[in-house]
Amino acid sequence: MTTRADIEELISKVSLGDRVAFSALYDATSGKLFAVCLRVLKNRSEAEDALQDVYIRIWNKADRYAVTGHSPMTWLITVARNLSIDRLRARRTDDVDLDATADLIEKSPGPEAVSIATSEQRRISVCFDELPADRAEAVRAAYLDGATYQTLADRFDVPLNTMRTWLRRSLLSLKECLSR
């Protein structure tokens, strides 16, 4: 069991670049600091990586530890906890929740899309105006309202095959008009 004074002495030796003291500090404290990392990150492999970063930080910043009457383990645990929280925050920004972002997407079309749709609507209306009125009405009923050929044939009092011909020729006329 390492005492408080022993850990303080090891930290002060580490601040001077003593590798043997660093190894002893690691042996004395790694179990507790790993538990801190694991509790925050809740992922063993990530906690192991975090623990390695914790000891790199301790090696680089040991000279900043000041004996203040507080336990040196408090300083070490604070380093481990803060680094783990930083990793947790970085993980949260990397993992984008697609369900949450779906709510952020604007559902209404933008100005450009509205402008294009309005222009296309005008073109289609002009092309429909070129069709005879009964054929334009039949195309709208068939393809927009879902009316069957037989229903349309009955409504316009024409044979079924005539209705099919009307619709086919009307679609060809619309296609030709829209390609101009």
C-alpha atoms as a PDB file:
ATOM      1  CA  MET A   1       0.000   0.000   0.000  1.00  0.00           C
ATOM      2  CA  THR A   2       1.358   3.363  -1.022  1.00  0.00           C
ATOM      3  CA  THR A   3       0.849   6.258   1.363  1.00  0.00           C
ATOM      4  CA  ARG A   4      -0.101   9.794   0.566  1.00  0.00           C
ATOM      5  CA  ALA A   5       3.446  10.983   1.165  1.00  0.00           C
ATOM      6  CA  ASP A   6       4.795   8.259  -1.143  1.00  0.00           C
ATOM      7  CA  ILE A   7       2.502   9.363  -3.987  1.00  0.00           C
ATOM      8  CA  GLU A   8       3.452  13.018  -3.463  1.00  0.00           C
ATOM      9  CA  GLU A   9       7.120  12.062  -3.614  1.00  0.00           C
ATOM     10  CA  LEU A  10       6.580   9.983  -6.764  1.00  0.00           C
ATOM     11  CA  ILE A  11       4.761  12.902  -8.459  1.00  0.00           C
ATOM     12  CA  SER A  12       7.603  15.269  -7.576  1.00  0.00           C
ATOM     13  CA  LYS A  13      10.165  12.813  -9.000  1.00  0.00           C
ATOM     14  CA  VAL A  14       8.041  12.394 -12.151  1.00  0.00           C
ATOM     15  CA  SER A  15       8.078  16.171 -12.578  1.00  0.00           C
ATOM     16  CA  LEU A  16      11.879  15.868 -12.784  1.00  0.00           C
ATOM     17  CA  GLY A  17      11.617  13.184 -15.477  1.00  0.00           C
ATOM     18  CA  ASP A  18      12.292  10.131 -13.281  1.00  0.00           C
ATOM     19  CA  ARG A  19      11.067   7.107 -15.254  1.00  0.00           C
ATOM     20  CA  VAL A  20      11.417   4.683 -12.352  1.00  0.00           C
ATOM     21  CA  ALA A  21       9.203   6.933 -10.209  1.00  0.00           C
ATOM     22  CA  PHE A  22       6.722   7.165 -13.089  1.00  0.00           C
ATOM     23  CA  SER A  23       6.538   3.379 -13.303  1.00  0.00           C
ATOM     24  CA  ALA A  24       6.045   3.126  -9.541  1.00  0.00           C
ATOM     25  CA  LEU A  25       3.336   5.828  -9.694  1.00  0.00           C
ATOM     26  CA  TYR A  26       1.609   3.897 -12.454  1.00  0.00           C
ATOM     27  CA  ASP A  27       1.722   0.662 -10.476  1.00  0.00           C
ATOM     28  CA  ALA A  28       0.372   2.383  -7.365  1.00  0.00           C
ATOM     29  CA  THR A  29      -2.475   4.352  -8.987  1.00  0.00           C
ATOM     30  CA  SER A  30      -3.477   2.822 -12.336  1.00  0.00           C
ATOM     31  CA  GLY A  31      -6.194   0.585 -10.878  1.00  0.00           C
ATOM     32  CA  LYS A  32      -8.044   3.469  -9.272  1.00  0.00           C
ATOM     33  CA  LEU A  33      -7.613   5.791 -12.281  1.00  0.00           C
ATOM     34  CA  PHE A  34      -8.760   3.072 -14.677  1.00  0.00           C
ATOM     35  CA  ALA A  35     -11.923   2.664 -12.591  1.00  0.00           C
ATOM     36  CA  VAL A  36     -12.554   6.413 -12.884  1.00  0.00           C
ATOM     37  CA  CYS A  37     -12.127   6.315 -16.673  1.00  0.00           C
ATOM     38  CA  LEU A  38     -14.337   3.249 -16.986  1.00  0.00           C
ATOM     39  CA  ARG A  39     -17.074   4.767 -14.820  1.00  0.00           C
ATOM     40  CA  VAL A  40     -17.206   7.881 -17.028  1.00  0.00           C
ATOM     41  CA  LEU A  41     -16.783   6.256 -20.453  1.00  0.00           C
ATOM     42  CA  LYS A  42     -18.617   2.951 -19.827  1.00  0.00           C
ATOM     43  CA  ASN A  43     -16.455   1.255 -22.467  1.00  0.00           C
ATOM     44  CA  ARG A  44     -13.463  -0.858 -21.443  1.00  0.00           C
ATOM     45  CA  SER A  45     -11.286  -0.345 -24.523  1.00  0.00           C
ATOM     46  CA  GLU A  46     -11.956   3.384 -24.568  1.00  0.00           C
ATOM     47  CA  ALA A  47     -11.184   3.568 -20.836  1.00  0.00           C
ATOM     48  CA  GLU A  48      -7.866   1.804 -21.480  1.00  0.00           C
ATOM     49  CA  ASP A  49      -7.002   4.359 -24.167  1.00  0.00           C
ATOM     50  CA  ALA A  50      -8.047   7.171 -21.863  1.00  0.00           C
ATOM     51  CA  LEU A  51      -5.870   5.772 -19.060  1.00  0.00           C
ATOM     52  CA  GLN A  52      -2.859   5.863 -21.368  1.00  0.00           C
ATOM     53  CA  ASP A  53      -3.632   9.518 -22.177  1.00  0.00           C
ATOM     54  CA  VAL A  54      -4.036  10.234 -18.458  1.00  0.00           C
ATOM     55  CA  TYR A  55      -0.526   9.028 -17.715  1.00  0.00           C
ATOM     56  CA  ILE A  56       0.878  10.978 -20.661  1.00  0.00           C
ATOM     57  CA  ARG A  57      -0.772  14.065 -19.224  1.00  0.00           C
ATOM     58  CA  ILE A  58       0.566  13.267 -15.740  1.00  0.00           C
ATOM     59  CA  TRP A  59       4.073  12.858 -17.178  1.00  0.00           C
ATOM     60  CA  ASN A  60       3.813  16.211 -18.968  1.00  0.00           C
ATOM     61  CA  LYS A  61       2.122  18.146 -16.150  1.00  0.00           C
ATOM     62  CA  ALA A  62       3.522  16.631 -12.965  1.00  0.00           C
ATOM     63  CA  ASP A  63       5.398  19.866 -12.322  1.00  0.00           C
ATOM     64  CA  ARG A  64       2.024  21.631 -11.929  1.00  0.00           C
ATOM     65  CA  TYR A  65       1.066  19.507  -8.926  1.00  0.00           C
ATOM     66  CA  ALA A  66       1.403  21.496  -5.755  1.00  0.00           C
ATOM     67  CA  VAL A  67       1.294  20.054  -2.266  1.00  0.00           C
ATOM     68  CA  THR A  68      -1.724  21.838  -0.818  1.00  0.00           C
ATOM     69  CA  GLY A  69      -2.792  19.523   1.928  1.00  0.00           C
ATOM     70  CA  HIS A  70      -5.207  17.720  -0.355  1.00  0.00           C
ATOM     71  CA  SER A  71      -4.647  14.120  -1.260  1.00  0.00           C
ATOM     72  CA  PRO A  72      -2.430  13.664  -4.336  1.00  0.00           C
ATOM     73  CA  MET A  73      -4.943  11.054  -5.476  1.00  0.00           C
ATOM     74  CA  THR A  74      -7.490  13.860  -5.745  1.00  0.00           C
ATOM     75  CA  TRP A  75      -5.281  15.564  -8.320  1.00  0.00           C
ATOM     76  CA  LEU A  76      -4.698  12.306 -10.227  1.00  0.00           C
ATOM     77  CA  ILE A  77      -8.402  11.418 -10.171  1.00  0.00           C
ATOM     78  CA  THR A  78      -9.285  14.919 -11.378  1.00  0.00           C
ATOM     79  CA  VAL A  79      -6.888  14.544 -14.308  1.00  0.00           C
ATOM     80  CA  ALA A  80      -8.409  11.146 -15.186  1.00  0.00           C
ATOM     81  CA  ARG A  81     -11.984  12.331 -14.775  1.00  0.00           C
ATOM     82  CA  ASN A  82     -11.510  15.515 -16.839  1.00  0.00           C
ATOM     83  CA  LEU A  83      -9.759  13.676 -19.652  1.00  0.00           C
ATOM     84  CA  SER A  84     -12.486  11.014 -19.707  1.00  0.00           C
ATOM     85  CA  ILE A  85     -15.200  13.662 -19.822  1.00  0.00           C
ATOM     86  CA  ASP A  86     -13.372  15.356 -22.708  1.00  0.00           C
ATOM     87  CA  ARG A  87     -13.339  12.037 -24.573  1.00  0.00           C
ATOM     88  CA  LEU A  88     -17.026  11.512 -23.820  1.00  0.00           C
ATOM     89  CA  ARG A  89     -17.864  14.952 -25.207  1.00  0.00           C
ATOM     90  CA  ALA A  90     -15.766  14.299 -28.320  1.00  0.00           C
ATOM     91  CA  ARG A  91     -17.586  10.994 -28.815  1.00  0.00           C
ATOM     92  CA  ARG A  92     -20.964  12.725 -28.588  1.00  0.00           C
ATOM     93  CA  THR A  93     -20.044  15.243 -31.281  1.00  0.00           C
ATOM     94  CA  ASP A  94     -18.743  12.462 -33.559  1.00  0.00           C
ATOM     95  CA  ASP A  95     -21.840  10.280 -33.176  1.00  0.00           C
ATOM     96  CA  VAL A  96     -24.605  12.125 -34.942  1.00  0.00           C
ATOM     97  CA  ASP A  97     -28.054  10.834 -34.081  1.00  0.00           C
ATOM     98  CA  LEU A  98     -29.804  10.698 -37.433  1.00  0.00           C
ATOM     99  CA  ASP A  99     -33.217  10.538 -35.796  1.00  0.00           C
ATOM    100  CA  ALA A 100     -32.528  13.836 -34.038  1.00  0.00           C
ATOM    101  CA  THR A 101     -31.276  15.524 -37.191  1.00  0.00           C
ATOM    102  CA  ALA A 102     -34.382  14.511 -39.127  1.00  0.00           C
ATOM    103  CA  ASP A 103     -36.335  16.942 -36.975  1.00  0.00           C
ATOM    104  CA  LEU A 104     -33.969  19.731 -37.976  1.00  0.00           C
ATOM    105  CA  ILE A 105     -34.526  19.307 -41.701  1.00  0.00           C
ATOM    106  CA  GLU A 106     -36.816  21.918 -43.208  1.00  0.00           C
ATOM    107  CA  LYS A 107     -39.865  20.108 -44.527  1.00  0.00           C
ATOM    108  CA  SER A 108     -41.123  22.866 -46.817  1.00  0.00           C
ATOM    109  CA  PRO A 109     -39.376  23.442 -50.136  1.00  0.00           C
ATOM    110  CA  GLY A 110     -36.900  26.269 -50.415  1.00  0.00           C
ATOM    111  CA  PRO A 111     -37.327  29.333 -52.634  1.00  0.00           C
ATOM    112  CA  GLU A 112     -35.479  27.738 -55.542  1.00  0.00           C
ATOM    113  CA  ALA A 113     -37.618  24.587 -55.431  1.00  0.00           C
ATOM    114  CA  VAL A 114     -40.807  26.689 -55.236  1.00  0.00           C
ATOM    115  CA  SER A 115     -39.692  28.738 -58.220  1.00  0.00           C
ATOM    116  CA  ILE A 116     -38.892  25.637 -60.281  1.00  0.00           C
ATOM    117  CA  ALA A 117     -42.164  23.952 -59.316  1.00  0.00           C
ATOM    118  CA  THR A 118     -44.152  27.079 -60.249  1.00  0.00           C
ATOM    119  CA  SER A 119     -42.403  27.269 -63.609  1.00  0.00           C
ATOM    120  CA  GLU A 120     -43.058  23.589 -64.312  1.00  0.00           C
ATOM    121  CA  GLN A 121     -46.692  23.961 -63.264  1.00  0.00           C
ATOM    122  CA  ARG A 122     -47.128  26.801 -65.776  1.00  0.00           C
ATOM    123  CA  ARG A 123     -45.543  24.718 -68.551  1.00  0.00           C
ATOM    124  CA  ILE A 124     -47.816  21.755 -67.794  1.00  0.00           C
ATOM    125  CA  SER A 125     -50.881  23.998 -67.674  1.00  0.00           C
ATOM    126  CA  VAL A 126     -49.995  25.484 -71.075  1.00  0.00           C
ATOM    127  CA  CYS A 127     -49.591  21.977 -72.508  1.00  0.00           C
ATOM    128  CA  PHE A 128     -52.914  20.830 -71.025  1.00  0.00           C
ATOM    129  CA  ASP A 129     -54.565  23.897 -72.609  1.00  0.00           C
ATOM    130  CA  GLU A 130     -53.375  22.656 -76.029  1.00  0.00           C
ATOM    131  CA  LEU A 131     -55.374  19.426 -75.583  1.00  0.00           C
ATOM    132  CA  PRO A 132     -59.100  19.290 -76.343  1.00  0.00           C
ATOM    133  CA  ALA A 133     -61.016  19.915 -73.107  1.00  0.00           C
ATOM    134  CA  ASP A 134     -62.503  16.413 -72.855  1.00  0.00           C
ATOM    135  CA  ARG A 135     -59.102  14.769 -73.361  1.00  0.00           C
ATOM    136  CA  ALA A 136     -57.415  17.018 -70.801  1.00  0.00           C
ATOM    137  CA  GLU A 137     -60.164  16.184 -68.306  1.00  0.00           C
ATOM    138  CA  ALA A 138     -59.782  12.442 -69.042  1.00  0.00           C
ATOM    139  CA  VAL A 139     -55.989  12.573 -68.493  1.00  0.00           C
ATOM    140  CA  ARG A 140     -56.418  14.432 -65.192  1.00  0.00           C
ATOM    141  CA  ALA A 141     -59.077  11.959 -64.035  1.00  0.00           C
ATOM    142  CA  ALA A 142     -57.004   8.927 -65.009  1.00  0.00           C
ATOM    143  CA  TYR A 143     -53.583   9.983 -63.759  1.00  0.00           C
ATOM    144  CA  LEU A 144     -54.360  12.392 -60.949  1.00  0.00           C
ATOM    145  CA  ASP A 145     -57.623  11.017 -59.564  1.00  0.00           C
ATOM    146  CA  GLY A 146     -56.975   7.342 -60.343  1.00  0.00           C
ATOM    147  CA  ALA A 147     -60.119   6.772 -62.434  1.00  0.00           C
ATOM    148  CA  THR A 148     -60.159   3.528 -64.413  1.00  0.00           C
ATOM    149  CA  TYR A 149     -60.360   3.388 -68.212  1.00  0.00           C
ATOM    150  CA  GLN A 150     -63.825   1.873 -68.005  1.00  0.00           C
ATOM    151  CA  THR A 151     -65.082   4.596 -65.666  1.00  0.00           C
ATOM    152  CA  LEU A 152     -63.758   7.256 -68.034  1.00  0.00           C
ATOM    153  CA  ALA A 153     -65.241   5.520 -71.072  1.00  0.00           C
ATOM    154  CA  ASP A 154     -68.623   5.501 -69.352  1.00  0.00           C
ATOM    155  CA  ARG A 155     -68.300   9.124 -68.223  1.00  0.00           C
ATOM    156  CA  PHE A 156     -67.420  10.388 -71.719  1.00  0.00           C
ATOM    157  CA  ASP A 157     -69.752   7.921 -73.432  1.00  0.00           C
ATOM    158  CA  VAL A 158     -67.068   6.429 -75.691  1.00  0.00           C
ATOM    159  CA  PRO A 159     -65.936   2.822 -76.231  1.00  0.00           C
ATOM    160  CA  LEU A 160     -63.192   1.521 -73.894  1.00  0.00           C
ATOM    161  CA  ASN A 161     -60.586   1.262 -76.666  1.00  0.00           C
ATOM    162  CA  THR A 162     -61.338   4.832 -77.757  1.00  0.00           C
ATOM    163  CA  MET A 163     -60.654   6.014 -74.193  1.00  0.00           C
ATOM    164  CA  ARG A 164     -57.335   4.148 -74.208  1.00  0.00           C
ATOM    165  CA  THR A 165     -56.435   5.814 -77.510  1.00  0.00           C
ATOM    166  CA  TRP A 166     -57.425   9.265 -76.182  1.00  0.00           C
ATOM    167  CA  LEU A 167     -55.213   8.822 -73.116  1.00  0.00           C
ATOM    168  CA  ARG A 168     -52.257   7.430 -75.068  1.00  0.00           C
ATOM    169  CA  ARG A 169     -52.365  10.168 -77.710  1.00  0.00           C
ATOM    170  CA  SER A 170     -52.918  12.857 -75.063  1.00  0.00           C
ATOM    171  CA  LEU A 171     -49.855  11.696 -73.135  1.00  0.00           C
ATOM    172  CA  LEU A 172     -47.794  11.746 -76.332  1.00  0.00           C
ATOM    173  CA  SER A 173     -49.009  15.291 -77.052  1.00  0.00           C
ATOM    174  CA  LEU A 174     -48.119  16.367 -73.495  1.00  0.00           C
ATOM    175  CA  LYS A 175     -44.689  14.787 -73.813  1.00  0.00           C
ATOM    176  CA  GLU A 176     -44.044  16.558 -77.110  1.00  0.00           C
ATOM    177  CA  CYS A 177     -45.268  19.883 -75.713  1.00  0.00           C
ATOM    178  CA  LEU A 178     -43.078  19.615 -72.611  1.00  0.00           C
ATOM    179  CA  SER A 179     -39.986  18.759 -74.658  1.00  0.00           C
ATOM    180  CA  ARG A 180     -40.193  22.036 -76.619  1.00  0.00           C
END
